[in-house]
Amino acid sequence: MGIFTSFLPIILFIIIYVGSGLYFLAKSIPNAFGQISPVIAIIPSIILGWLLNKGSSNDRMDLFLKG
């Protein structure tokens, strides 16, 4: 279970970015994968990673900033 949950943020990013690109491609919108910025797609993944991490808010922020 621990290994799966650690990959949830990257899986969420892939689902959002690739899913929106495929959606816009199916709608025949030009530059389908450029319609949503990867920065916008990563924000929910960052939030999910933040929520999955154990510890206080300060510990989570320190860990996030260290990388």
C-alpha atoms as a PDB file:
ATOM      1  CA  MET A   1       0.000   0.000   0.000  1.00  0.00           C
ATOM      2  CA  GLY A   2       2.838   2.422   0.794  1.00  0.00           C
ATOM      3  CA  ILE A   3       4.458   2.108  -2.611  1.00  0.00           C
ATOM      4  CA  PHE A   4       1.180   2.731  -4.401  1.00  0.00           C
ATOM      5  CA  THR A   5       0.347   5.831  -2.374  1.00  0.00           C
ATOM      6  CA  SER A   6       3.780   7.313  -3.007  1.00  0.00           C
ATOM      7  CA  PHE A   7       3.097   7.222  -6.762  1.00  0.00           C
ATOM      8  CA  LEU A   8      -0.377   8.784  -6.524  1.00  0.00           C
ATOM      9  CA  PRO A   9       0.782  12.395  -7.147  1.00  0.00           C
ATOM     10  CA  ILE A  10       2.636  11.521 -10.373  1.00  0.00           C
ATOM     11  CA  ILE A  11      -0.243   9.313 -11.517  1.00  0.00           C
ATOM     12  CA  LEU A  12      -2.643  12.205 -10.889  1.00  0.00           C
ATOM     13  CA  PHE A  13      -0.422  14.543 -12.924  1.00  0.00           C
ATOM     14  CA  ILE A  14      -0.288  12.092 -15.836  1.00  0.00           C
ATOM     15  CA  ILE A  15      -4.045  11.573 -15.745  1.00  0.00           C
ATOM     16  CA  ILE A  16      -4.741  15.315 -15.740  1.00  0.00           C
ATOM     17  CA  TYR A  17      -2.155  16.294 -18.377  1.00  0.00           C
ATOM     18  CA  VAL A  18      -2.518  13.372 -20.773  1.00  0.00           C
ATOM     19  CA  GLY A  19      -6.260  13.120 -20.185  1.00  0.00           C
ATOM     20  CA  SER A  20      -6.854  16.767 -21.017  1.00  0.00           C
ATOM     21  CA  GLY A  21      -4.576  16.501 -24.048  1.00  0.00           C
ATOM     22  CA  LEU A  22      -6.490  13.505 -25.338  1.00  0.00           C
ATOM     23  CA  TYR A  23      -9.783  15.262 -24.648  1.00  0.00           C
ATOM     24  CA  PHE A  24      -8.767  18.332 -26.642  1.00  0.00           C
ATOM     25  CA  LEU A  25      -7.366  16.080 -29.367  1.00  0.00           C
ATOM     26  CA  ALA A  26     -10.713  14.273 -29.614  1.00  0.00           C
ATOM     27  CA  LYS A  27     -12.432  17.664 -29.905  1.00  0.00           C
ATOM     28  CA  SER A  28     -10.053  18.484 -32.824  1.00  0.00           C
ATOM     29  CA  ILE A  29      -8.612  21.498 -31.052  1.00  0.00           C
ATOM     30  CA  PRO A  30      -5.203  22.457 -32.468  1.00  0.00           C
ATOM     31  CA  ASN A  31      -2.197  22.131 -30.156  1.00  0.00           C
ATOM     32  CA  ALA A  32      -4.210  19.832 -27.912  1.00  0.00           C
ATOM     33  CA  PHE A  33      -1.491  19.167 -25.347  1.00  0.00           C
ATOM     34  CA  GLY A  34      -0.615  22.849 -25.204  1.00  0.00           C
ATOM     35  CA  GLN A  35      -4.086  23.872 -24.085  1.00  0.00           C
ATOM     36  CA  ILE A  36      -3.317  23.120 -20.450  1.00  0.00           C
ATOM     37  CA  SER A  37       0.003  24.114 -18.969  1.00  0.00           C
ATOM     38  CA  PRO A  38       2.001  21.411 -17.162  1.00  0.00           C
ATOM     39  CA  VAL A  39       2.315  23.888 -14.282  1.00  0.00           C
ATOM     40  CA  ILE A  40      -1.469  23.964 -13.904  1.00  0.00           C
ATOM     41  CA  ALA A  41      -1.626  20.165 -14.103  1.00  0.00           C
ATOM     42  CA  ILE A  42       1.005  19.731 -11.369  1.00  0.00           C
ATOM     43  CA  ILE A  43      -0.775  21.893  -8.762  1.00  0.00           C
ATOM     44  CA  PRO A  44      -3.354  19.212  -7.767  1.00  0.00           C
ATOM     45  CA  SER A  45      -0.504  16.690  -7.603  1.00  0.00           C
ATOM     46  CA  ILE A  46       1.460  18.926  -5.246  1.00  0.00           C
ATOM     47  CA  ILE A  47      -1.610  19.334  -3.053  1.00  0.00           C
ATOM     48  CA  LEU A  48      -2.178  15.562  -3.020  1.00  0.00           C
ATOM     49  CA  GLY A  49       1.461  14.923  -2.124  1.00  0.00           C
ATOM     50  CA  TRP A  50       1.209  17.499   0.644  1.00  0.00           C
ATOM     51  CA  LEU A  51      -1.896  15.814   2.065  1.00  0.00           C
ATOM     52  CA  LEU A  52      -0.412  12.312   1.874  1.00  0.00           C
ATOM     53  CA  ASN A  53       2.734  13.302   3.758  1.00  0.00           C
ATOM     54  CA  LYS A  54       2.659  12.714   7.484  1.00  0.00           C
ATOM     55  CA  GLY A  55       3.794  15.281  10.007  1.00  0.00           C
ATOM     56  CA  SER A  56       3.072  18.870  10.881  1.00  0.00           C
ATOM     57  CA  SER A  57       2.593  21.569   8.281  1.00  0.00           C
ATOM     58  CA  ASN A  58       6.057  22.954   8.987  1.00  0.00           C
ATOM     59  CA  ASP A  59       7.644  19.526   8.505  1.00  0.00           C
ATOM     60  CA  ARG A  60       5.768  19.034   5.248  1.00  0.00           C
ATOM     61  CA  MET A  61       6.830  22.464   3.968  1.00  0.00           C
ATOM     62  CA  ASP A  62      10.464  21.792   4.841  1.00  0.00           C
ATOM     63  CA  LEU A  63      10.368  18.444   3.072  1.00  0.00           C
ATOM     64  CA  PHE A  64       8.664  19.981   0.017  1.00  0.00           C
ATOM     65  CA  LEU A  65      11.219  22.765  -0.255  1.00  0.00           C
ATOM     66  CA  LYS A  66      14.165  20.393   0.158  1.00  0.00           C
ATOM     67  CA  GLY A  67      12.839  18.281  -2.719  1.00  0.00           C
END
